[in-house]
Protein backbone atom coordinates (compact mmCIF):
# COMPACT_ATOMS: atom_id res chain seq x y z
CA UNK A 1 0.00 0.00 0.00
CA UNK A 2 2.85 2.37 0.84
CA UNK A 3 4.45 1.72 -2.57
CA UNK A 4 1.17 2.46 -4.32
CA UNK A 5 0.85 5.72 -2.38
CA UNK A 6 4.39 6.76 -3.38
CA UNK A 7 3.70 5.98 -7.04
CA UNK A 8 0.40 7.85 -6.95
CA UNK A 9 2.09 10.85 -5.32
CA UNK A 10 4.81 10.85 -7.99
CA UNK A 11 2.26 10.69 -10.80
CA UNK A 12 0.25 13.54 -9.31
CA UNK A 13 3.43 15.59 -8.89
CA UNK A 14 4.38 14.96 -12.51
CA UNK A 15 1.01 16.23 -13.69
CA UNK A 16 0.87 19.24 -11.37
CA UNK A 17 4.45 20.36 -11.87
CA UNK A 18 5.02 19.39 -15.48
CA UNK A 19 7.02 22.06 -17.27
CA UNK A 20 4.52 23.26 -19.84
CA UNK A 21 7.04 25.82 -21.10
CA UNK A 22 8.62 23.06 -23.20
CA UNK A 23 6.19 24.12 -25.92
CA UNK A 24 6.94 27.41 -27.70
CA UNK A 25 3.22 28.00 -28.11
CA UNK A 26 2.76 28.44 -24.35
CA UNK A 27 4.25 31.94 -24.36
CA UNK A 28 2.37 35.21 -24.43
CA UNK A 29 4.39 38.19 -25.60
CA UNK A 30 3.81 41.77 -26.58
CA UNK A 31 4.04 42.81 -30.19
CA UNK A 32 6.01 45.98 -30.78
CA UNK A 33 2.71 47.93 -30.91
CA UNK A 34 1.92 46.77 -27.35
CA UNK A 35 -0.68 44.15 -28.30
CA UNK A 36 -0.31 40.98 -26.22
CA UNK A 37 -0.56 37.77 -28.23
CA UNK A 38 0.04 34.09 -27.67
CA UNK A 39 2.53 32.30 -29.87
CA UNK A 40 -0.32 29.79 -30.19
CA UNK A 41 -1.54 32.11 -32.96
CA UNK A 42 1.38 30.89 -35.07
CA UNK A 43 0.68 27.18 -34.57
CA UNK A 44 0.65 25.49 -37.95
CA UNK A 45 3.08 28.01 -39.47
CA UNK A 46 6.76 27.48 -40.20
CA UNK A 47 8.60 30.10 -38.15
CA UNK A 48 11.97 31.77 -38.34
CA UNK A 49 12.54 33.34 -34.92
CA UNK A 50 15.31 35.94 -34.94
CA UNK A 51 16.84 38.18 -32.28
CA UNK A 52 17.40 41.55 -33.93
CA UNK A 53 19.08 44.90 -33.35
CA UNK A 54 18.91 48.23 -35.18
CA UNK A 55 22.51 49.39 -34.71
CA UNK A 56 24.40 46.20 -35.52
CA UNK A 57 26.74 45.36 -38.38
CA UNK A 58 24.18 42.70 -39.34
CA UNK A 59 21.15 45.02 -39.28
CA UNK A 60 21.02 44.79 -43.08
CA UNK A 61 19.68 41.24 -42.53
CA UNK A 62 16.28 42.84 -41.92
CA UNK A 63 16.08 43.17 -45.71
CA UNK A 64 16.74 39.47 -46.25
CA UNK A 65 14.26 38.51 -43.53
CA UNK A 66 11.61 40.68 -45.17
CA UNK A 67 12.38 39.13 -48.57
CA UNK A 68 11.92 35.63 -47.11
CA UNK A 69 8.66 36.71 -45.53
CA UNK A 70 7.45 38.15 -48.84
CA UNK A 71 8.45 35.02 -50.75
CA UNK A 72 7.02 32.37 -48.43
CA UNK A 73 4.31 33.97 -46.26
CA UNK A 74 1.54 32.74 -48.58
CA UNK A 75 2.76 29.18 -47.90
CA UNK A 76 2.39 29.46 -44.11
CA UNK A 77 5.80 30.94 -43.26
CA UNK A 78 6.37 33.72 -40.72
CA UNK A 79 9.41 35.61 -39.55
CA UNK A 80 9.15 36.65 -35.90
CA UNK A 81 11.57 39.42 -34.94
CA UNK A 82 12.61 39.94 -31.32
CA UNK A 83 14.62 43.13 -30.80
CA UNK A 84 17.17 42.69 -28.02
CA UNK A 85 19.73 45.02 -26.47
CA UNK A 86 22.01 42.29 -25.13
CA UNK A 87 25.03 42.85 -27.35
CA UNK A 88 26.92 46.12 -27.23
CA UNK A 89 23.81 48.23 -26.59
CA UNK A 90 22.89 47.88 -30.27
CA UNK A 91 19.12 48.12 -29.71
CA UNK A 92 18.78 51.21 -27.51
CA UNK A 93 15.53 52.62 -28.90
CA UNK A 94 11.99 52.43 -27.63
CA UNK A 95 9.55 50.02 -29.24
CA UNK A 96 8.11 52.91 -31.25
CA UNK A 97 11.57 53.95 -32.48
CA UNK A 98 12.49 50.37 -33.39
CA UNK A 99 9.23 49.86 -35.31
CA UNK A 100 9.68 53.12 -37.20
CA UNK A 101 13.32 52.33 -38.03
CA UNK A 102 12.45 48.85 -39.35
CA UNK A 103 9.54 50.08 -41.44
CA UNK A 104 11.30 53.11 -42.93
CA UNK A 105 14.64 51.45 -43.66
CA UNK A 106 13.64 47.90 -44.56
CA UNK A 107 9.86 47.90 -45.10
CA UNK A 108 9.48 45.33 -42.34
CA UNK A 109 5.96 43.95 -42.26
CA UNK A 110 6.59 40.67 -40.45
CA UNK A 111 5.67 40.50 -36.75
CA UNK A 112 8.06 42.38 -34.49
CA UNK A 113 7.82 41.99 -30.74
CA UNK A 114 8.65 44.33 -27.89
CA UNK A 115 12.29 44.42 -26.98
CA UNK A 116 13.25 41.52 -24.71
CA UNK A 117 16.37 39.94 -23.32
CA UNK A 118 17.69 36.89 -25.19
CA UNK A 119 20.67 36.19 -22.93
CA UNK A 120 21.73 36.58 -19.32
CA UNK A 121 19.95 36.62 -15.98
CA UNK A 122 16.88 38.32 -17.43
CA UNK A 123 16.67 36.09 -20.53
CA UNK A 124 13.08 35.59 -21.66
CA UNK A 125 11.95 31.97 -21.08
CA UNK A 126 11.22 31.53 -24.81
CA UNK A 127 14.88 32.09 -25.58
CA UNK A 128 15.95 29.92 -22.67
CA UNK A 129 13.93 27.14 -24.28
CA UNK A 130 15.20 27.81 -27.81
CA UNK A 131 18.84 27.84 -26.74
CA UNK A 132 18.50 24.57 -24.82
CA UNK A 133 16.53 22.50 -27.34
CA UNK A 134 18.42 19.82 -29.23
CA UNK A 135 18.90 20.48 -32.93
CA UNK A 136 21.43 19.34 -35.55
CA UNK A 137 23.36 22.60 -35.45
CA UNK A 138 24.27 23.81 -31.95
CA UNK A 139 22.85 24.64 -28.53
CA UNK A 140 23.81 27.15 -25.89
CA UNK A 141 23.67 30.89 -25.40
CA UNK A 142 23.00 33.25 -28.26
CA UNK A 143 26.34 34.79 -29.15
CA UNK A 144 25.20 37.85 -31.13
CA UNK A 145 22.32 39.59 -32.86
CA UNK A 146 20.48 37.94 -35.76
CA UNK A 147 20.73 34.30 -34.71
CA UNK A 148 17.93 32.38 -36.37
CA UNK A 149 15.76 29.49 -35.14
CA UNK A 150 13.72 27.51 -37.69
CA UNK A 151 10.57 26.02 -36.17
CA UNK A 152 8.33 23.52 -37.96
CA UNK A 153 4.52 23.63 -38.07
CA UNK A 154 4.34 21.59 -34.85
CA UNK A 155 6.60 23.86 -32.82
CA UNK A 156 9.76 21.75 -33.10
CA UNK A 157 13.15 23.41 -33.46
CA UNK A 158 14.62 22.03 -36.68
CA UNK A 159 17.64 24.24 -37.32
CA UNK A 160 19.60 27.04 -35.75
CA UNK A 161 21.70 29.46 -37.79
CA UNK A 162 24.48 31.70 -36.55
CA UNK A 163 24.52 35.45 -37.07
CA UNK A 164 26.81 35.35 -40.09
CA UNK A 165 24.47 33.03 -42.04
CA UNK A 166 22.45 35.28 -44.32
CA UNK A 167 18.68 34.83 -44.21
CA UNK A 168 18.72 34.49 -48.01
CA UNK A 169 21.56 31.96 -48.09
CA UNK A 170 20.90 28.64 -49.81
CA UNK A 171 21.28 26.95 -46.42
CA UNK A 172 18.44 28.92 -44.83
CA UNK A 173 16.19 29.01 -47.91
CA UNK A 174 16.54 25.27 -48.54
CA UNK A 175 15.76 24.52 -44.90
CA UNK A 176 12.63 26.67 -45.11
CA UNK A 177 11.53 25.14 -48.42
CA UNK A 178 11.97 21.59 -47.12
CA UNK A 179 9.96 22.46 -44.02
CA UNK A 180 7.09 24.05 -45.93
C-alpha atoms as a PDB file:
ATOM      1  CA  UNK A   1       0.000   0.000   0.000  1.00  0.00           C
ATOM      2  CA  UNK A   2       2.846   2.372   0.841  1.00  0.00           C
ATOM      3  CA  UNK A   3       4.451   1.722  -2.572  1.00  0.00           C
ATOM      4  CA  UNK A   4       1.170   2.455  -4.319  1.00  0.00           C
ATOM      5  CA  UNK A   5       0.847   5.719  -2.385  1.00  0.00           C
ATOM      6  CA  UNK A   6       4.386   6.756  -3.379  1.00  0.00           C
ATOM      7  CA  UNK A   7       3.700   5.978  -7.044  1.00  0.00           C
ATOM      8  CA  UNK A   8       0.402   7.851  -6.953  1.00  0.00           C
ATOM      9  CA  UNK A   9       2.090  10.846  -5.317  1.00  0.00           C
ATOM     10  CA  UNK A  10       4.812  10.845  -7.988  1.00  0.00           C
ATOM     11  CA  UNK A  11       2.262  10.685 -10.795  1.00  0.00           C
ATOM     12  CA  UNK A  12       0.249  13.544  -9.314  1.00  0.00           C
ATOM     13  CA  UNK A  13       3.428  15.593  -8.892  1.00  0.00           C
ATOM     14  CA  UNK A  14       4.381  14.964 -12.505  1.00  0.00           C
ATOM     15  CA  UNK A  15       1.008  16.227 -13.690  1.00  0.00           C
ATOM     16  CA  UNK A  16       0.873  19.238 -11.366  1.00  0.00           C
ATOM     17  CA  UNK A  17       4.448  20.357 -11.871  1.00  0.00           C
ATOM     18  CA  UNK A  18       5.023  19.390 -15.481  1.00  0.00           C
ATOM     19  CA  UNK A  19       7.017  22.059 -17.269  1.00  0.00           C
ATOM     20  CA  UNK A  20       4.520  23.264 -19.841  1.00  0.00           C
ATOM     21  CA  UNK A  21       7.043  25.823 -21.100  1.00  0.00           C
ATOM     22  CA  UNK A  22       8.615  23.057 -23.198  1.00  0.00           C
ATOM     23  CA  UNK A  23       6.195  24.125 -25.918  1.00  0.00           C
ATOM     24  CA  UNK A  24       6.944  27.410 -27.701  1.00  0.00           C
ATOM     25  CA  UNK A  25       3.221  28.005 -28.109  1.00  0.00           C
ATOM     26  CA  UNK A  26       2.757  28.439 -24.347  1.00  0.00           C
ATOM     27  CA  UNK A  27       4.254  31.939 -24.356  1.00  0.00           C
ATOM     28  CA  UNK A  28       2.371  35.213 -24.425  1.00  0.00           C
ATOM     29  CA  UNK A  29       4.387  38.188 -25.604  1.00  0.00           C
ATOM     30  CA  UNK A  30       3.814  41.774 -26.581  1.00  0.00           C
ATOM     31  CA  UNK A  31       4.037  42.813 -30.187  1.00  0.00           C
ATOM     32  CA  UNK A  32       6.011  45.983 -30.782  1.00  0.00           C
ATOM     33  CA  UNK A  33       2.713  47.933 -30.905  1.00  0.00           C
ATOM     34  CA  UNK A  34       1.924  46.767 -27.349  1.00  0.00           C
ATOM     35  CA  UNK A  35      -0.682  44.153 -28.296  1.00  0.00           C
ATOM     36  CA  UNK A  36      -0.315  40.981 -26.222  1.00  0.00           C
ATOM     37  CA  UNK A  37      -0.561  37.770 -28.228  1.00  0.00           C
ATOM     38  CA  UNK A  38       0.037  34.092 -27.673  1.00  0.00           C
ATOM     39  CA  UNK A  39       2.531  32.305 -29.870  1.00  0.00           C
ATOM     40  CA  UNK A  40      -0.321  29.787 -30.195  1.00  0.00           C
ATOM     41  CA  UNK A  41      -1.535  32.115 -32.963  1.00  0.00           C
ATOM     42  CA  UNK A  42       1.381  30.885 -35.073  1.00  0.00           C
ATOM     43  CA  UNK A  43       0.675  27.184 -34.567  1.00  0.00           C
ATOM     44  CA  UNK A  44       0.652  25.489 -37.952  1.00  0.00           C
ATOM     45  CA  UNK A  45       3.082  28.012 -39.475  1.00  0.00           C
ATOM     46  CA  UNK A  46       6.756  27.484 -40.204  1.00  0.00           C
ATOM     47  CA  UNK A  47       8.598  30.104 -38.151  1.00  0.00           C
ATOM     48  CA  UNK A  48      11.972  31.765 -38.342  1.00  0.00           C
ATOM     49  CA  UNK A  49      12.541  33.339 -34.923  1.00  0.00           C
ATOM     50  CA  UNK A  50      15.315  35.945 -34.942  1.00  0.00           C
ATOM     51  CA  UNK A  51      16.841  38.176 -32.284  1.00  0.00           C
ATOM     52  CA  UNK A  52      17.398  41.548 -33.929  1.00  0.00           C
ATOM     53  CA  UNK A  53      19.077  44.905 -33.352  1.00  0.00           C
ATOM     54  CA  UNK A  54      18.912  48.228 -35.185  1.00  0.00           C
ATOM     55  CA  UNK A  55      22.508  49.390 -34.710  1.00  0.00           C
ATOM     56  CA  UNK A  56      24.401  46.199 -35.523  1.00  0.00           C
ATOM     57  CA  UNK A  57      26.738  45.363 -38.376  1.00  0.00           C
ATOM     58  CA  UNK A  58      24.184  42.704 -39.340  1.00  0.00           C
ATOM     59  CA  UNK A  59      21.155  45.024 -39.279  1.00  0.00           C
ATOM     60  CA  UNK A  60      21.021  44.787 -43.080  1.00  0.00           C
ATOM     61  CA  UNK A  61      19.681  41.242 -42.530  1.00  0.00           C
ATOM     62  CA  UNK A  62      16.277  42.836 -41.917  1.00  0.00           C
ATOM     63  CA  UNK A  63      16.083  43.174 -45.708  1.00  0.00           C
ATOM     64  CA  UNK A  64      16.741  39.466 -46.254  1.00  0.00           C
ATOM     65  CA  UNK A  65      14.264  38.508 -43.534  1.00  0.00           C
ATOM     66  CA  UNK A  66      11.606  40.678 -45.168  1.00  0.00           C
ATOM     67  CA  UNK A  67      12.381  39.135 -48.570  1.00  0.00           C
ATOM     68  CA  UNK A  68      11.921  35.631 -47.109  1.00  0.00           C
ATOM     69  CA  UNK A  69       8.663  36.709 -45.529  1.00  0.00           C
ATOM     70  CA  UNK A  70       7.452  38.147 -48.844  1.00  0.00           C
ATOM     71  CA  UNK A  71       8.455  35.025 -50.753  1.00  0.00           C
ATOM     72  CA  UNK A  72       7.017  32.370 -48.435  1.00  0.00           C
ATOM     73  CA  UNK A  73       4.312  33.972 -46.264  1.00  0.00           C
ATOM     74  CA  UNK A  74       1.543  32.742 -48.577  1.00  0.00           C
ATOM     75  CA  UNK A  75       2.759  29.183 -47.898  1.00  0.00           C
ATOM     76  CA  UNK A  76       2.392  29.465 -44.111  1.00  0.00           C
ATOM     77  CA  UNK A  77       5.805  30.942 -43.255  1.00  0.00           C
ATOM     78  CA  UNK A  78       6.367  33.721 -40.719  1.00  0.00           C
ATOM     79  CA  UNK A  79       9.415  35.612 -39.547  1.00  0.00           C
ATOM     80  CA  UNK A  80       9.154  36.653 -35.897  1.00  0.00           C
ATOM     81  CA  UNK A  81      11.570  39.423 -34.937  1.00  0.00           C
ATOM     82  CA  UNK A  82      12.609  39.937 -31.325  1.00  0.00           C
ATOM     83  CA  UNK A  83      14.616  43.126 -30.795  1.00  0.00           C
ATOM     84  CA  UNK A  84      17.166  42.695 -28.021  1.00  0.00           C
ATOM     85  CA  UNK A  85      19.731  45.018 -26.471  1.00  0.00           C
ATOM     86  CA  UNK A  86      22.007  42.286 -25.134  1.00  0.00           C
ATOM     87  CA  UNK A  87      25.027  42.853 -27.354  1.00  0.00           C
ATOM     88  CA  UNK A  88      26.920  46.119 -27.230  1.00  0.00           C
ATOM     89  CA  UNK A  89      23.814  48.233 -26.592  1.00  0.00           C
ATOM     90  CA  UNK A  90      22.887  47.883 -30.270  1.00  0.00           C
ATOM     91  CA  UNK A  91      19.118  48.123 -29.715  1.00  0.00           C
ATOM     92  CA  UNK A  92      18.780  51.209 -27.508  1.00  0.00           C
ATOM     93  CA  UNK A  93      15.534  52.624 -28.898  1.00  0.00           C
ATOM     94  CA  UNK A  94      11.988  52.433 -27.634  1.00  0.00           C
ATOM     95  CA  UNK A  95       9.553  50.018 -29.235  1.00  0.00           C
ATOM     96  CA  UNK A  96       8.110  52.906 -31.252  1.00  0.00           C
ATOM     97  CA  UNK A  97      11.571  53.947 -32.484  1.00  0.00           C
ATOM     98  CA  UNK A  98      12.487  50.366 -33.388  1.00  0.00           C
ATOM     99  CA  UNK A  99       9.234  49.856 -35.313  1.00  0.00           C
ATOM    100  CA  UNK A 100       9.679  53.117 -37.197  1.00  0.00           C
ATOM    101  CA  UNK A 101      13.323  52.332 -38.031  1.00  0.00           C
ATOM    102  CA  UNK A 102      12.447  48.852 -39.347  1.00  0.00           C
ATOM    103  CA  UNK A 103       9.538  50.080 -41.436  1.00  0.00           C
ATOM    104  CA  UNK A 104      11.298  53.108 -42.931  1.00  0.00           C
ATOM    105  CA  UNK A 105      14.638  51.448 -43.658  1.00  0.00           C
ATOM    106  CA  UNK A 106      13.637  47.901 -44.559  1.00  0.00           C
ATOM    107  CA  UNK A 107       9.862  47.895 -45.104  1.00  0.00           C
ATOM    108  CA  UNK A 108       9.483  45.327 -42.335  1.00  0.00           C
ATOM    109  CA  UNK A 109       5.955  43.950 -42.262  1.00  0.00           C
ATOM    110  CA  UNK A 110       6.590  40.671 -40.448  1.00  0.00           C
ATOM    111  CA  UNK A 111       5.669  40.501 -36.754  1.00  0.00           C
ATOM    112  CA  UNK A 112       8.063  42.378 -34.490  1.00  0.00           C
ATOM    113  CA  UNK A 113       7.825  41.992 -30.743  1.00  0.00           C
ATOM    114  CA  UNK A 114       8.648  44.334 -27.891  1.00  0.00           C
ATOM    115  CA  UNK A 115      12.289  44.425 -26.978  1.00  0.00           C
ATOM    116  CA  UNK A 116      13.247  41.523 -24.710  1.00  0.00           C
ATOM    117  CA  UNK A 117      16.374  39.937 -23.322  1.00  0.00           C
ATOM    118  CA  UNK A 118      17.692  36.895 -25.188  1.00  0.00           C
ATOM    119  CA  UNK A 119      20.670  36.194 -22.933  1.00  0.00           C
ATOM    120  CA  UNK A 120      21.728  36.583 -19.325  1.00  0.00           C
ATOM    121  CA  UNK A 121      19.954  36.620 -15.979  1.00  0.00           C
ATOM    122  CA  UNK A 122      16.882  38.319 -17.434  1.00  0.00           C
ATOM    123  CA  UNK A 123      16.667  36.086 -20.531  1.00  0.00           C
ATOM    124  CA  UNK A 124      13.080  35.595 -21.664  1.00  0.00           C
ATOM    125  CA  UNK A 125      11.949  31.974 -21.077  1.00  0.00           C
ATOM    126  CA  UNK A 126      11.217  31.535 -24.807  1.00  0.00           C
ATOM    127  CA  UNK A 127      14.882  32.089 -25.584  1.00  0.00           C
ATOM    128  CA  UNK A 128      15.950  29.915 -22.668  1.00  0.00           C
ATOM    129  CA  UNK A 129      13.934  27.139 -24.283  1.00  0.00           C
ATOM    130  CA  UNK A 130      15.198  27.811 -27.812  1.00  0.00           C
ATOM    131  CA  UNK A 131      18.843  27.841 -26.743  1.00  0.00           C
ATOM    132  CA  UNK A 132      18.500  24.573 -24.817  1.00  0.00           C
ATOM    133  CA  UNK A 133      16.527  22.497 -27.342  1.00  0.00           C
ATOM    134  CA  UNK A 134      18.418  19.821 -29.234  1.00  0.00           C
ATOM    135  CA  UNK A 135      18.897  20.475 -32.929  1.00  0.00           C
ATOM    136  CA  UNK A 136      21.427  19.340 -35.553  1.00  0.00           C
ATOM    137  CA  UNK A 137      23.356  22.603 -35.450  1.00  0.00           C
ATOM    138  CA  UNK A 138      24.274  23.808 -31.949  1.00  0.00           C
ATOM    139  CA  UNK A 139      22.851  24.643 -28.532  1.00  0.00           C
ATOM    140  CA  UNK A 140      23.806  27.150 -25.887  1.00  0.00           C
ATOM    141  CA  UNK A 141      23.675  30.886 -25.401  1.00  0.00           C
ATOM    142  CA  UNK A 142      23.002  33.249 -28.258  1.00  0.00           C
ATOM    143  CA  UNK A 143      26.343  34.786 -29.148  1.00  0.00           C
ATOM    144  CA  UNK A 144      25.204  37.850 -31.127  1.00  0.00           C
ATOM    145  CA  UNK A 145      22.320  39.594 -32.857  1.00  0.00           C
ATOM    146  CA  UNK A 146      20.482  37.944 -35.756  1.00  0.00           C
ATOM    147  CA  UNK A 147      20.733  34.302 -34.712  1.00  0.00           C
ATOM    148  CA  UNK A 148      17.925  32.384 -36.370  1.00  0.00           C
ATOM    149  CA  UNK A 149      15.761  29.487 -35.136  1.00  0.00           C
ATOM    150  CA  UNK A 150      13.721  27.510 -37.690  1.00  0.00           C
ATOM    151  CA  UNK A 151      10.568  26.021 -36.167  1.00  0.00           C
ATOM    152  CA  UNK A 152       8.327  23.516 -37.963  1.00  0.00           C
ATOM    153  CA  UNK A 153       4.519  23.631 -38.075  1.00  0.00           C
ATOM    154  CA  UNK A 154       4.336  21.588 -34.852  1.00  0.00           C
ATOM    155  CA  UNK A 155       6.603  23.865 -32.823  1.00  0.00           C
ATOM    156  CA  UNK A 156       9.761  21.752 -33.099  1.00  0.00           C
ATOM    157  CA  UNK A 157      13.147  23.413 -33.457  1.00  0.00           C
ATOM    158  CA  UNK A 158      14.620  22.033 -36.682  1.00  0.00           C
ATOM    159  CA  UNK A 159      17.639  24.238 -37.318  1.00  0.00           C
ATOM    160  CA  UNK A 160      19.595  27.041 -35.753  1.00  0.00           C
ATOM    161  CA  UNK A 161      21.698  29.455 -37.786  1.00  0.00           C
ATOM    162  CA  UNK A 162      24.484  31.703 -36.545  1.00  0.00           C
ATOM    163  CA  UNK A 163      24.522  35.449 -37.071  1.00  0.00           C
ATOM    164  CA  UNK A 164      26.810  35.348 -40.095  1.00  0.00           C
ATOM    165  CA  UNK A 165      24.471  33.028 -42.040  1.00  0.00           C
ATOM    166  CA  UNK A 166      22.451  35.284 -44.323  1.00  0.00           C
ATOM    167  CA  UNK A 167      18.676  34.831 -44.214  1.00  0.00           C
ATOM    168  CA  UNK A 168      18.724  34.493 -48.007  1.00  0.00           C
ATOM    169  CA  UNK A 169      21.557  31.962 -48.095  1.00  0.00           C
ATOM    170  CA  UNK A 170      20.904  28.639 -49.808  1.00  0.00           C
ATOM    171  CA  UNK A 171      21.276  26.954 -46.421  1.00  0.00           C
ATOM    172  CA  UNK A 172      18.439  28.924 -44.829  1.00  0.00           C
ATOM    173  CA  UNK A 173      16.189  29.006 -47.906  1.00  0.00           C
ATOM    174  CA  UNK A 174      16.540  25.273 -48.541  1.00  0.00           C
ATOM    175  CA  UNK A 175      15.758  24.522 -44.898  1.00  0.00           C
ATOM    176  CA  UNK A 176      12.629  26.674 -45.110  1.00  0.00           C
ATOM    177  CA  UNK A 177      11.527  25.138 -48.418  1.00  0.00           C
ATOM    178  CA  UNK A 178      11.972  21.587 -47.119  1.00  0.00           C
ATOM    179  CA  UNK A 179       9.960  22.458 -44.016  1.00  0.00           C
ATOM    180  CA  UNK A 180       7.094  24.048 -45.930  1.00  0.00           C
END
